[in-house]
PDB file of N, CA and C in Angstrom:
ATOM      1  N   MET A   1     122.488 125.257 144.104  1.00  0.00           N
ATOM      2  CA  MET A   1     122.927 124.585 145.210  1.00  0.00           C
ATOM      3  C   MET A   1     121.871 123.128 144.708  1.00  0.00           C
ATOM      4  N   GLN A   2     122.437 121.872 145.103  1.00  0.00           N
ATOM      5  CA  GLN A   2     122.059 120.676 144.663  1.00  0.00           C
ATOM      6  C   GLN A   2     121.949 120.175 146.021  1.00  0.00           C
ATOM      7  N   LEU A   3     120.517 119.416 146.402  1.00  0.00           N
ATOM      8  CA  LEU A   3     120.161 118.639 147.477  1.00  0.00           C
ATOM      9  C   LEU A   3     120.317 117.184 147.127  1.00  0.00           C
ATOM     10  N   SER A   4     120.620 116.463 148.294  1.00  0.00           N
ATOM     11  CA  SER A   4     120.768 114.832 148.273  1.00  0.00           C
ATOM     12  C   SER A   4     119.270 114.544 148.279  1.00  0.00           C
ATOM     13  N   ALA A   5     118.883 113.455 148.076  1.00  0.00           N
ATOM     14  CA  ALA A   5     117.847 113.011 148.351  1.00  0.00           C
ATOM     15  C   ALA A   5     117.000 113.170 149.614  1.00  0.00           C
ATOM     16  N   THR A   6     117.692 113.036 150.806  1.00  0.00           N
ATOM     17  CA  THR A   6     117.400 112.922 152.062  1.00  0.00           C
ATOM     18  C   THR A   6     116.918 114.779 151.864  1.00  0.00           C
ATOM     19  N   GLY A   7     117.842 115.439 151.906  1.00  0.00           N
ATOM     20  CA  GLY A   7     117.555 117.014 151.746  1.00  0.00           C
ATOM     21  C   GLY A   7     116.415 117.278 150.905  1.00  0.00           C
ATOM     22  N   GLY A   8     116.126 116.442 149.576  1.00  0.00           N
ATOM     23  CA  GLY A   8     115.221 117.034 148.636  1.00  0.00           C
ATOM     24  C   GLY A   8     113.971 116.588 149.102  1.00  0.00           C
ATOM     25  N   ASN A   9     113.897 115.491 149.739  1.00  0.00           N
ATOM     26  CA  ASN A   9     112.637 114.770 150.327  1.00  0.00           C
ATOM     27  C   ASN A   9     112.300 115.709 151.446  1.00  0.00           C
ATOM     28  N   ALA A  10     113.078 116.281 152.591  1.00  0.00           N
ATOM     29  CA  ALA A  10     112.974 116.929 153.408  1.00  0.00           C
ATOM     30  C   ALA A  10     112.356 118.571 153.172  1.00  0.00           C
ATOM     31  N   ALA A  11     112.751 118.976 152.119  1.00  0.00           N
ATOM     32  CA  ALA A  11     112.106 120.061 151.561  1.00  0.00           C
ATOM     33  C   ALA A  11     110.975 120.106 150.708  1.00  0.00           C
ATOM     34  N   CYS A  12     110.854 118.827 149.847  1.00  0.00           N
ATOM     35  CA  CYS A  12     109.793 119.097 149.383  1.00  0.00           C
ATOM     36  C   CYS A  12     108.282 118.630 150.387  1.00  0.00           C
ATOM     37  N   ASN A  13     108.694 117.555 151.429  1.00  0.00           N
ATOM     38  CA  ASN A  13     107.859 117.459 152.283  1.00  0.00           C
ATOM     39  C   ASN A  13     107.354 118.698 153.331  1.00  0.00           C
ATOM     40  N   GLY A  14     108.365 119.464 153.748  1.00  0.00           N
ATOM     41  CA  GLY A  14     107.827 120.664 154.320  1.00  0.00           C
ATOM     42  C   GLY A  14     106.879 121.884 153.548  1.00  0.00           C
ATOM     43  N   PHE A  15     107.613 121.869 152.077  1.00  0.00           N
ATOM     44  CA  PHE A  15     106.574 122.890 151.489  1.00  0.00           C
ATOM     45  C   PHE A  15     105.142 122.199 151.258  1.00  0.00           C
ATOM     46  N   VAL A  16     105.063 120.647 150.970  1.00  0.00           N
ATOM     47  CA  VAL A  16     103.656 120.337 150.537  1.00  0.00           C
ATOM     48  C   VAL A  16     102.797 120.324 152.121  1.00  0.00           C
ATOM     49  N   ASP A  17     103.636 120.249 152.770  1.00  0.00           N
ATOM     50  CA  ASP A  17     102.476 120.346 154.308  1.00  0.00           C
ATOM     51  C   ASP A  17     102.094 121.407 154.522  1.00  0.00           C
ATOM     52  N   ILE A  18     102.372 122.513 154.062  1.00  0.00           N
ATOM     53  CA  ILE A  18     101.861 123.625 154.347  1.00  0.00           C
ATOM     54  C   ILE A  18     100.722 124.209 153.342  1.00  0.00           C
ATOM     55  N   LEU A  19     100.729 123.022 152.375  1.00  0.00           N
ATOM     56  CA  LEU A  19      99.483 123.072 151.311  1.00  0.00           C
ATOM     57  C   LEU A  19      98.140 122.438 151.794  1.00  0.00           C
ATOM     58  N   ASP A  20      98.265 121.776 152.767  1.00  0.00           N
ATOM     59  CA  ASP A  20      96.926 120.908 153.255  1.00  0.00           C
ATOM     60  C   ASP A  20      96.006 121.776 153.715  1.00  0.00           C
ATOM     61  N   GLY A  21      94.644 121.439 152.877  1.00  0.00           N
ATOM     62  CA  GLY A  21      93.740 122.687 153.021  1.00  0.00           C
ATOM     63  C   GLY A  21      93.735 123.539 152.271  1.00  0.00           C
ATOM     64  N   GLY A  22      94.515 123.999 151.834  1.00  0.00           N
ATOM     65  CA  GLY A  22      94.850 125.017 150.685  1.00  0.00           C
ATOM     66  C   GLY A  22      94.140 124.705 149.049  1.00  0.00           C
ATOM     67  N   GLY A  23      94.657 125.278 148.348  1.00  0.00           N
ATOM     68  CA  GLY A  23      94.382 125.753 146.989  1.00  0.00           C
ATOM     69  C   GLY A  23      94.683 125.815 145.669  1.00  0.00           C
ATOM     70  N   PHE A  24      94.680 125.162 144.738  1.00  0.00           N
ATOM     71  CA  PHE A  24      95.047 125.694 143.191  1.00  0.00           C
ATOM     72  C   PHE A  24      93.944 126.972 142.941  1.00  0.00           C
ATOM     73  N   LEU A  25      94.924 128.342 143.194  1.00  0.00           N
ATOM     74  CA  LEU A  25      93.741 129.401 142.380  1.00  0.00           C
ATOM     75  C   LEU A  25      94.305 129.760 141.472  1.00  0.00           C
ATOM     76  N   PHE A  26      93.573 129.792 140.217  1.00  0.00           N
ATOM     77  CA  PHE A  26      93.802 130.050 138.884  1.00  0.00           C
ATOM     78  C   PHE A  26      93.501 131.646 138.539  1.00  0.00           C
ATOM     79  N   HIS A  27      94.160 132.199 138.122  1.00  0.00           N
ATOM     80  CA  HIS A  27      94.035 134.084 137.814  1.00  0.00           C
ATOM     81  C   HIS A  27      94.252 134.135 136.571  1.00  0.00           C
ATOM     82  N   THR A  28      93.752 135.461 136.143  1.00  0.00           N
ATOM     83  CA  THR A  28      94.051 135.910 134.466  1.00  0.00           C
ATOM     84  C   THR A  28      94.954 136.905 134.949  1.00  0.00           C
ATOM     85  N   SER A  29      95.776 137.543 133.979  1.00  0.00           N
ATOM     86  CA  SER A  29      96.921 138.045 133.993  1.00  0.00           C
ATOM     87  C   SER A  29      97.168 139.498 134.387  1.00  0.00           C
ATOM     88  N   GLY A  30      95.654 139.987 134.910  1.00  0.00           N
ATOM     89  CA  GLY A  30      95.359 141.026 135.876  1.00  0.00           C
ATOM     90  C   GLY A  30      95.334 140.695 137.178  1.00  0.00           C
ATOM     91  N   ASP A  31      95.430 139.431 137.509  1.00  0.00           N
ATOM     92  CA  ASP A  31      95.257 138.661 138.969  1.00  0.00           C
ATOM     93  C   ASP A  31      93.692 138.649 139.375  1.00  0.00           C
ATOM     94  N   VAL A  32      92.877 138.507 138.206  1.00  0.00           N
ATOM     95  CA  VAL A  32      91.404 138.479 139.025  1.00  0.00           C
ATOM     96  C   VAL A  32      91.283 136.732 138.940  1.00  0.00           C
ATOM     97  N   GLU A  33      90.797 136.411 139.927  1.00  0.00           N
ATOM     98  CA  GLU A  33      90.270 134.843 140.100  1.00  0.00           C
ATOM     99  C   GLU A  33      89.538 134.316 139.088  1.00  0.00           C
ATOM    100  N   VAL A  34      89.882 133.334 138.100  1.00  0.00           N
ATOM    101  CA  VAL A  34      88.920 132.346 137.436  1.00  0.00           C
ATOM    102  C   VAL A  34      88.591 131.494 138.367  1.00  0.00           C
ATOM    103  N   ALA A  35      89.584 130.840 139.105  1.00  0.00           N
ATOM    104  CA  ALA A  35      88.859 129.490 139.864  1.00  0.00           C
ATOM    105  C   ALA A  35      89.802 129.128 140.500  1.00  0.00           C
ATOM    106  N   LEU A  36      89.007 128.560 141.772  1.00  0.00           N
ATOM    107  CA  LEU A  36      90.034 127.837 142.803  1.00  0.00           C
ATOM    108  C   LEU A  36      89.476 126.207 143.442  1.00  0.00           C
ATOM    109  N   CYS A  37      90.367 125.669 143.288  1.00  0.00           N
ATOM    110  CA  CYS A  37      90.122 123.737 143.289  1.00  0.00           C
ATOM    111  C   CYS A  37      91.152 123.618 144.723  1.00  0.00           C
ATOM    112  N   PRO A  38      89.903 123.540 145.503  1.00  0.00           N
ATOM    113  CA  PRO A  38      90.617 123.238 147.025  1.00  0.00           C
ATOM    114  C   PRO A  38      91.222 121.917 146.932  1.00  0.00           C
ATOM    115  N   LEU A  39      92.522 121.866 147.824  1.00  0.00           N
ATOM    116  CA  LEU A  39      93.205 120.497 148.100  1.00  0.00           C
ATOM    117  C   LEU A  39      92.467 119.964 149.274  1.00  0.00           C
ATOM    118  N   LEU A  40      92.937 118.575 149.593  1.00  0.00           N
ATOM    119  CA  LEU A  40      92.558 117.846 150.449  1.00  0.00           C
ATOM    120  C   LEU A  40      93.643 117.850 151.673  1.00  0.00           C
ATOM    121  N   THR A  41      93.332 117.487 152.554  1.00  0.00           N
ATOM    122  CA  THR A  41      94.220 117.423 153.911  1.00  0.00           C
ATOM    123  C   THR A  41      94.503 115.566 154.431  1.00  0.00           C
ATOM    124  N   PRO A  42      95.321 115.073 153.886  1.00  0.00           N
ATOM    125  CA  PRO A  42      96.894 115.826 153.209  1.00  0.00           C
ATOM    126  C   PRO A  42      96.685 115.889 151.793  1.00  0.00           C
ATOM    127  N   ALA A  43      97.458 116.788 151.233  1.00  0.00           N
ATOM    128  CA  ALA A  43      97.169 117.502 149.859  1.00  0.00           C
ATOM    129  C   ALA A  43      98.054 116.631 148.858  1.00  0.00           C
ATOM    130  N   PHE A  44      99.467 116.109 149.400  1.00  0.00           N
ATOM    131  CA  PHE A  44     100.209 115.507 148.801  1.00  0.00           C
ATOM    132  C   PHE A  44     100.844 114.220 149.576  1.00  0.00           C
ATOM    133  N   ASP A  45     101.151 113.484 148.649  1.00  0.00           N
ATOM    134  CA  ASP A  45     101.855 112.077 149.162  1.00  0.00           C
ATOM    135  C   ASP A  45     103.202 112.376 149.714  1.00  0.00           C
ATOM    136  N   ALA A  46     103.660 111.302 150.592  1.00  0.00           N
ATOM    137  CA  ALA A  46     104.988 111.491 150.983  1.00  0.00           C
ATOM    138  C   ALA A  46     106.044 111.601 149.855  1.00  0.00           C
ATOM    139  N   SER A  47     106.920 112.424 150.107  1.00  0.00           N
ATOM    140  CA  SER A  47     107.805 112.593 149.223  1.00  0.00           C
ATOM    141  C   SER A  47     109.367 111.573 148.616  1.00  0.00           C
ATOM    142  N   ALA A  48     109.304 111.069 147.611  1.00  0.00           N
ATOM    143  CA  ALA A  48     110.454 110.375 147.326  1.00  0.00           C
ATOM    144  C   ALA A  48     111.149 110.805 146.091  1.00  0.00           C
ATOM    145  N   ALA A  49     112.535 110.794 146.099  1.00  0.00           N
ATOM    146  CA  ALA A  49     113.551 111.316 145.481  1.00  0.00           C
ATOM    147  C   ALA A  49     113.108 112.870 145.191  1.00  0.00           C
ATOM    148  N   GLY A  50     112.915 113.641 145.994  1.00  0.00           N
ATOM    149  CA  GLY A  50     112.241 115.280 145.838  1.00  0.00           C
ATOM    150  C   GLY A  50     111.202 115.243 145.415  1.00  0.00           C
ATOM    151  N   ALA A  51     110.322 114.368 145.057  1.00  0.00           N
ATOM    152  CA  ALA A  51     109.282 114.772 144.608  1.00  0.00           C
ATOM    153  C   ALA A  51     107.747 114.077 145.319  1.00  0.00           C
ATOM    154  N   SER A  52     106.977 114.830 145.138  1.00  0.00           N
ATOM    155  CA  SER A  52     105.765 114.316 145.964  1.00  0.00           C
ATOM    156  C   SER A  52     104.370 114.749 144.950  1.00  0.00           C
ATOM    157  N   ALA A  53     103.528 113.758 144.867  1.00  0.00           N
ATOM    158  CA  ALA A  53     102.344 113.840 143.898  1.00  0.00           C
ATOM    159  C   ALA A  53     101.139 114.341 144.940  1.00  0.00           C
ATOM    160  N   MET A  54     100.208 114.912 144.208  1.00  0.00           N
ATOM    161  CA  MET A  54      99.195 115.436 144.559  1.00  0.00           C
ATOM    162  C   MET A  54      98.060 114.194 145.124  1.00  0.00           C
ATOM    163  N   SER A  55      97.468 114.374 146.244  1.00  0.00           N
ATOM    164  CA  SER A  55      96.977 113.417 146.529  1.00  0.00           C
ATOM    165  C   SER A  55      95.263 113.451 145.557  1.00  0.00           C
ATOM    166  N   THR A  56      95.216 112.366 145.438  1.00  0.00           N
ATOM    167  CA  THR A  56      94.139 112.321 144.179  1.00  0.00           C
ATOM    168  C   THR A  56      92.995 111.427 144.527  1.00  0.00           C
ATOM    169  N   ALA A  57      92.455 111.351 146.096  1.00  0.00           N
ATOM    170  CA  ALA A  57      91.287 110.708 146.584  1.00  0.00           C
ATOM    171  C   ALA A  57      89.950 110.939 145.941  1.00  0.00           C
ATOM    172  N   SER A  58      90.107 112.301 145.904  1.00  0.00           N
ATOM    173  CA  SER A  58      88.778 112.872 145.387  1.00  0.00           C
ATOM    174  C   SER A  58      88.873 114.084 144.512  1.00  0.00           C
ATOM    175  N   ASN A  59      87.689 114.282 143.734  1.00  0.00           N
ATOM    176  CA  ASN A  59      88.472 115.339 142.833  1.00  0.00           C
ATOM    177  C   ASN A  59      88.555 116.810 143.603  1.00  0.00           C
ATOM    178  N   ILE A  60      89.379 117.459 142.766  1.00  0.00           N
ATOM    179  CA  ILE A  60      90.046 118.335 143.121  1.00  0.00           C
ATOM    180  C   ILE A  60      89.844 119.653 142.391  1.00  0.00           C
ATOM    181  N   GLU A  61      88.566 120.110 142.533  1.00  0.00           N
ATOM    182  CA  GLU A  61      87.828 120.808 141.629  1.00  0.00           C
ATOM    183  C   GLU A  61      87.216 122.052 141.772  1.00  0.00           C
ATOM    184  N   ASP A  62      86.627 123.153 141.027  1.00  0.00           N
ATOM    185  CA  ASP A  62      85.857 124.317 141.205  1.00  0.00           C
ATOM    186  C   ASP A  62      84.493 124.015 140.216  1.00  0.00           C
ATOM    187  N   THR A  63      83.150 123.813 140.998  1.00  0.00           N
ATOM    188  CA  THR A  63      82.220 123.929 139.845  1.00  0.00           C
ATOM    189  C   THR A  63      81.306 124.808 139.729  1.00  0.00           C
ATOM    190  N   THR A  64      81.938 125.946 140.166  1.00  0.00           N
ATOM    191  CA  THR A  64      81.567 127.233 139.770  1.00  0.00           C
ATOM    192  C   THR A  64      82.292 128.177 139.466  1.00  0.00           C
ATOM    193  N   ALA A  65      82.990 128.016 138.748  1.00  0.00           N
ATOM    194  CA  ALA A  65      84.446 128.800 138.343  1.00  0.00           C
ATOM    195  C   ALA A  65      83.661 130.386 138.082  1.00  0.00           C
ATOM    196  N   ALA A  66      84.675 131.149 138.614  1.00  0.00           N
ATOM    197  CA  ALA A  66      84.201 132.703 138.195  1.00  0.00           C
ATOM    198  C   ALA A  66      84.288 132.809 136.652  1.00  0.00           C
ATOM    199  N   GLY A  67      85.004 132.407 136.161  1.00  0.00           N
ATOM    200  CA  GLY A  67      85.258 132.379 134.661  1.00  0.00           C
ATOM    201  C   GLY A  67      86.448 133.527 134.186  1.00  0.00           C
ATOM    202  N   GLY A  68      87.097 133.352 133.227  1.00  0.00           N
ATOM    203  CA  GLY A  68      87.739 134.355 132.467  1.00  0.00           C
ATOM    204  C   GLY A  68      88.984 133.339 131.645  1.00  0.00           C
ATOM    205  N   THR A  69      90.099 134.301 131.236  1.00  0.00           N
ATOM    206  CA  THR A  69      91.422 133.324 130.573  1.00  0.00           C
ATOM    207  C   THR A  69      92.642 133.101 131.681  1.00  0.00           C
ATOM    208  N   ILE A  70      92.629 131.820 131.766  1.00  0.00           N
ATOM    209  CA  ILE A  70      93.839 131.889 132.871  1.00  0.00           C
ATOM    210  C   ILE A  70      95.031 131.924 132.416  1.00  0.00           C
ATOM    211  N   ASP A  71      95.721 132.891 133.201  1.00  0.00           N
ATOM    212  CA  ASP A  71      97.474 133.000 132.691  1.00  0.00           C
ATOM    213  C   ASP A  71      98.491 132.190 133.774  1.00  0.00           C
ATOM    214  N   HIS A  72      98.188 132.279 135.118  1.00  0.00           N
ATOM    215  CA  HIS A  72      98.959 131.485 135.860  1.00  0.00           C
ATOM    216  C   HIS A  72      98.057 130.986 136.975  1.00  0.00           C
ATOM    217  N   ALA A  73      98.829 130.290 137.755  1.00  0.00           N
ATOM    218  CA  ALA A  73      97.995 129.801 138.939  1.00  0.00           C
ATOM    219  C   ALA A  73      98.865 129.814 140.123  1.00  0.00           C
ATOM    220  N   HIS A  74      98.048 129.644 141.321  1.00  0.00           N
ATOM    221  CA  HIS A  74      98.895 129.893 142.655  1.00  0.00           C
ATOM    222  C   HIS A  74      98.669 128.606 143.322  1.00  0.00           C
ATOM    223  N   LEU A  75      99.629 127.873 144.316  1.00  0.00           N
ATOM    224  CA  LEU A  75      99.193 127.046 145.233  1.00  0.00           C
ATOM    225  C   LEU A  75      99.169 127.954 146.501  1.00  0.00           C
ATOM    226  N   THR A  76      97.968 127.674 147.180  1.00  0.00           N
ATOM    227  CA  THR A  76      97.765 128.564 148.410  1.00  0.00           C
ATOM    228  C   THR A  76      97.808 127.676 149.676  1.00  0.00           C
ATOM    229  N   THR A  77      97.870 128.359 150.907  1.00  0.00           N
ATOM    230  CA  THR A  77      97.931 127.665 152.322  1.00  0.00           C
ATOM    231  C   THR A  77      96.603 127.677 152.749  1.00  0.00           C
ATOM    232  N   SER A  78      95.992 126.652 153.655  1.00  0.00           N
ATOM    233  CA  SER A  78      94.848 126.821 154.424  1.00  0.00           C
ATOM    234  C   SER A  78      94.272 128.128 154.579  1.00  0.00           C
ATOM    235  N   GLY A  79      95.152 129.098 154.996  1.00  0.00           N
ATOM    236  CA  GLY A  79      94.868 130.440 155.310  1.00  0.00           C
ATOM    237  C   GLY A  79      94.635 131.619 154.116  1.00  0.00           C
ATOM    238  N   SER A  80      94.564 130.785 152.709  1.00  0.00           N
ATOM    239  CA  SER A  80      94.996 131.586 151.565  1.00  0.00           C
ATOM    240  C   SER A  80      96.330 132.738 151.421  1.00  0.00           C
ATOM    241  N   VAL A  81      97.384 132.172 151.817  1.00  0.00           N
ATOM    242  CA  VAL A  81      98.455 132.666 151.677  1.00  0.00           C
ATOM    243  C   VAL A  81      99.084 132.122 150.323  1.00  0.00           C
ATOM    244  N   ILE A  82      99.526 132.918 149.484  1.00  0.00           N
ATOM    245  CA  ILE A  82     100.174 131.989 148.366  1.00  0.00           C
ATOM    246  C   ILE A  82     101.555 131.583 148.620  1.00  0.00           C
ATOM    247  N   ALA A  83     101.584 130.370 148.111  1.00  0.00           N
ATOM    248  CA  ALA A  83     102.817 129.910 148.722  1.00  0.00           C
ATOM    249  C   ALA A  83     103.992 129.580 147.247  1.00  0.00           C
ATOM    250  N   SER A  84     103.307 129.618 146.058  1.00  0.00           N
ATOM    251  CA  SER A  84     104.030 129.564 144.928  1.00  0.00           C
ATOM    252  C   SER A  84     103.106 129.821 143.874  1.00  0.00           C
ATOM    253  N   GLN A  85     103.849 130.298 142.762  1.00  0.00           N
ATOM    254  CA  GLN A  85     103.092 131.014 141.344  1.00  0.00           C
ATOM    255  C   GLN A  85     103.687 129.992 140.293  1.00  0.00           C
ATOM    256  N   MET A  86     102.775 129.610 139.323  1.00  0.00           N
ATOM    257  CA  MET A  86     103.122 128.602 137.967  1.00  0.00           C
ATOM    258  C   MET A  86     102.849 129.298 136.847  1.00  0.00           C
ATOM    259  N   THR A  87     103.450 128.672 136.012  1.00  0.00           N
ATOM    260  CA  THR A  87     102.490 129.566 134.804  1.00  0.00           C
ATOM    261  C   THR A  87     101.705 128.216 134.185  1.00  0.00           C
ATOM    262  N   CYS A  88     100.991 128.905 133.220  1.00  0.00           N
ATOM    263  CA  CYS A  88      99.623 127.771 132.398  1.00  0.00           C
ATOM    264  C   CYS A  88      99.985 127.754 131.412  1.00  0.00           C
ATOM    265  N   GLY A  89      99.371 126.748 130.514  1.00  0.00           N
ATOM    266  CA  GLY A  89      99.499 126.628 129.314  1.00  0.00           C
ATOM    267  C   GLY A  89      98.716 125.106 128.610  1.00  0.00           C
ATOM    268  N   VAL A  90      98.553 125.532 127.345  1.00  0.00           N
ATOM    269  CA  VAL A  90      97.607 124.277 126.480  1.00  0.00           C
ATOM    270  C   VAL A  90      99.217 123.464 126.231  1.00  0.00           C
ATOM    271  N   GLY A  91      98.953 122.177 127.010  1.00  0.00           N
ATOM    272  CA  GLY A  91     100.497 121.492 126.260  1.00  0.00           C
ATOM    273  C   GLY A  91     102.068 122.157 126.887  1.00  0.00           C
ATOM    274  N   THR A  92     101.648 123.359 127.557  1.00  0.00           N
ATOM    275  CA  THR A  92     103.419 123.717 127.951  1.00  0.00           C
ATOM    276  C   THR A  92     102.704 124.144 129.595  1.00  0.00           C
ATOM    277  N   GLY A  93     103.666 124.722 129.460  1.00  0.00           N
ATOM    278  CA  GLY A  93     103.616 125.253 131.547  1.00  0.00           C
ATOM    279  C   GLY A  93     103.739 124.324 132.447  1.00  0.00           C
ATOM    280  N   GLU A  94     103.814 124.851 133.741  1.00  0.00           N
ATOM    281  CA  GLU A  94     103.996 124.099 134.623  1.00  0.00           C
ATOM    282  C   GLU A  94     102.693 123.520 135.063  1.00  0.00           C
ATOM    283  N   VAL A  95     101.387 124.202 134.656  1.00  0.00           N
ATOM    284  CA  VAL A  95      99.994 123.681 134.842  1.00  0.00           C
ATOM    285  C   VAL A  95      99.547 123.624 133.453  1.00  0.00           C
ATOM    286  N   GLN A  96      99.299 122.405 132.892  1.00  0.00           N
ATOM    287  CA  GLN A  96      98.784 122.004 131.708  1.00  0.00           C
ATOM    288  C   GLN A  96      97.424 121.868 131.719  1.00  0.00           C
ATOM    289  N   PHE A  97      96.649 122.185 130.499  1.00  0.00           N
ATOM    290  CA  PHE A  97      95.536 122.300 130.540  1.00  0.00           C
ATOM    291  C   PHE A  97      95.123 121.274 129.061  1.00  0.00           C
ATOM    292  N   SER A  98      94.161 120.931 128.856  1.00  0.00           N
ATOM    293  CA  SER A  98      93.895 119.926 127.806  1.00  0.00           C
ATOM    294  C   SER A  98      93.613 120.497 126.642  1.00  0.00           C
ATOM    295  N   ASP A  99      92.547 121.420 126.617  1.00  0.00           N
ATOM    296  CA  ASP A  99      92.377 122.146 125.313  1.00  0.00           C
ATOM    297  C   ASP A  99      92.269 123.853 125.126  1.00  0.00           C
ATOM    298  N   SER A 100      92.069 124.523 126.058  1.00  0.00           N
ATOM    299  CA  SER A 100      91.802 125.836 126.410  1.00  0.00           C
ATOM    300  C   SER A 100      91.742 126.448 127.521  1.00  0.00           C
ATOM    301  N   LEU A 101      92.375 127.811 127.956  1.00  0.00           N
ATOM    302  CA  LEU A 101      92.766 128.527 129.081  1.00  0.00           C
ATOM    303  C   LEU A 101      91.768 129.266 129.295  1.00  0.00           C
ATOM    304  N   VAL A 102      90.533 129.303 128.194  1.00  0.00           N
ATOM    305  CA  VAL A 102      89.322 130.235 128.609  1.00  0.00           C
ATOM    306  C   VAL A 102      88.350 129.362 129.549  1.00  0.00           C
ATOM    307  N   VAL A 103      87.804 130.190 130.484  1.00  0.00           N
ATOM    308  CA  VAL A 103      86.798 129.227 131.626  1.00  0.00           C
ATOM    309  C   VAL A 103      85.815 129.880 131.186  1.00  0.00           C
ATOM    310  N   ALA A 104      84.479 129.249 130.865  1.00  0.00           N
ATOM    311  CA  ALA A 104      83.376 130.248 131.305  1.00  0.00           C
ATOM    312  C   ALA A 104      82.701 130.366 132.601  1.00  0.00           C
ATOM    313  N   PRO A 105      81.936 131.635 132.743  1.00  0.00           N
ATOM    314  CA  PRO A 105      81.242 131.245 134.059  1.00  0.00           C
ATOM    315  C   PRO A 105      80.495 130.208 134.447  1.00  0.00           C
ATOM    316  N   ASP A 106      80.589 130.055 136.154  1.00  0.00           N
ATOM    317  CA  ASP A 106      80.219 128.623 136.350  1.00  0.00           C
ATOM    318  C   ASP A 106      80.682 127.290 135.850  1.00  0.00           C
ATOM    319  N   ALA A 107      81.700 127.415 134.992  1.00  0.00           N
ATOM    320  CA  ALA A 107      82.303 125.979 134.449  1.00  0.00           C
ATOM    321  C   ALA A 107      82.840 125.008 135.600  1.00  0.00           C
ATOM    322  N   LEU A 108      82.944 123.877 134.982  1.00  0.00           N
ATOM    323  CA  LEU A 108      84.206 123.306 135.998  1.00  0.00           C
ATOM    324  C   LEU A 108      85.427 123.356 135.556  1.00  0.00           C
ATOM    325  N   VAL A 109      86.401 123.605 136.524  1.00  0.00           N
ATOM    326  CA  VAL A 109      87.713 123.269 136.609  1.00  0.00           C
ATOM    327  C   VAL A 109      88.054 122.498 137.544  1.00  0.00           C
ATOM    328  N   ARG A 110      88.983 121.398 136.908  1.00  0.00           N
ATOM    329  CA  ARG A 110      89.435 120.038 137.610  1.00  0.00           C
ATOM    330  C   ARG A 110      90.865 119.850 137.483  1.00  0.00           C
ATOM    331  N   VAL A 111      91.815 119.529 138.454  1.00  0.00           N
ATOM    332  CA  VAL A 111      93.093 119.427 138.649  1.00  0.00           C
ATOM    333  C   VAL A 111      93.074 117.747 138.819  1.00  0.00           C
ATOM    334  N   THR A 112      93.549 117.202 137.908  1.00  0.00           N
ATOM    335  CA  THR A 112      93.470 115.837 137.693  1.00  0.00           C
ATOM    336  C   THR A 112      94.986 115.260 138.661  1.00  0.00           C
ATOM    337  N   ALA A 113      96.000 116.053 138.223  1.00  0.00           N
ATOM    338  CA  ALA A 113      97.385 115.336 138.940  1.00  0.00           C
ATOM    339  C   ALA A 113      98.477 116.675 138.950  1.00  0.00           C
ATOM    340  N   PHE A 114      99.208 116.627 139.708  1.00  0.00           N
ATOM    341  CA  PHE A 114     100.363 117.573 139.949  1.00  0.00           C
ATOM    342  C   PHE A 114     101.237 117.190 141.047  1.00  0.00           C
ATOM    343  N   THR A 115     102.689 117.399 140.365  1.00  0.00           N
ATOM    344  CA  THR A 115     103.807 116.914 141.200  1.00  0.00           C
ATOM    345  C   THR A 115     104.989 117.995 141.486  1.00  0.00           C
ATOM    346  N   ALA A 116     104.940 118.091 142.943  1.00  0.00           N
ATOM    347  CA  ALA A 116     105.931 119.287 143.383  1.00  0.00           C
ATOM    348  C   ALA A 116     107.026 118.583 143.575  1.00  0.00           C
ATOM    349  N   SER A 117     108.204 119.324 143.011  1.00  0.00           N
ATOM    350  CA  SER A 117     109.838 118.466 142.931  1.00  0.00           C
ATOM    351  C   SER A 117     110.731 119.306 143.473  1.00  0.00           C
ATOM    352  N   TRP A 118     111.831 118.945 143.808  1.00  0.00           N
ATOM    353  CA  TRP A 118     112.943 119.520 144.148  1.00  0.00           C
ATOM    354  C   TRP A 118     113.915 118.644 143.417  1.00  0.00           C
ATOM    355  N   THR A 119     115.204 119.312 142.678  1.00  0.00           N
ATOM    356  CA  THR A 119     116.204 118.656 141.999  1.00  0.00           C
ATOM    357  C   THR A 119     117.032 118.094 143.073  1.00  0.00           C
ATOM    358  N   VAL A 120     117.236 116.673 142.760  1.00  0.00           N
ATOM    359  CA  VAL A 120     118.164 116.139 143.868  1.00  0.00           C
ATOM    360  C   VAL A 120     119.175 115.463 142.919  1.00  0.00           C
ATOM    361  N   ALA A 121     120.455 115.297 143.664  1.00  0.00           N
ATOM    362  CA  ALA A 121     121.670 114.874 142.777  1.00  0.00           C
ATOM    363  C   ALA A 121     122.369 113.912 143.638  1.00  0.00           C
ATOM    364  N   SER A 122     122.911 112.826 143.400  1.00  0.00           N
ATOM    365  CA  SER A 122     123.871 112.212 144.094  1.00  0.00           C
ATOM    366  C   SER A 122     125.553 112.911 144.306  1.00  0.00           C
ATOM    367  N   LEU A 123     125.566 113.402 145.769  1.00  0.00           N
ATOM    368  CA  LEU A 123     126.518 114.298 146.051  1.00  0.00           C
ATOM    369  C   LEU A 123     127.707 113.615 146.339  1.00  0.00           C
ATOM    370  N   THR A 124     128.963 114.397 145.944  1.00  0.00           N
ATOM    371  CA  THR A 124     130.247 113.514 146.240  1.00  0.00           C
ATOM    372  C   THR A 124     131.082 114.238 147.238  1.00  0.00           C
TER     373      THR A 124
END
């Protein structure tokens, strides 16, 4: 299914609105928490062309990470309900890290940018 820009914006805005006050939750391959970076309210800017950028008015970070090797990430609601799962990697994946997926206990984990998007097309 393809979405028009109007449909893509509505879908994207509806999704990112449930993330207000939620967070990025990073897990090991065994689903053990490595770090939790809380999101702002609002968490994302209004959608345009089916995409919405994470609000970066302040740092999105965990200053006392549990530590471990990150395998995947979840976006969660303010009630800690998992809304999305994403791949993680160094230079690859939906969530990219600059140098390593290994996080030491009590290390800083910071999310600097993220965009949620839906594929939109000019429909005929």
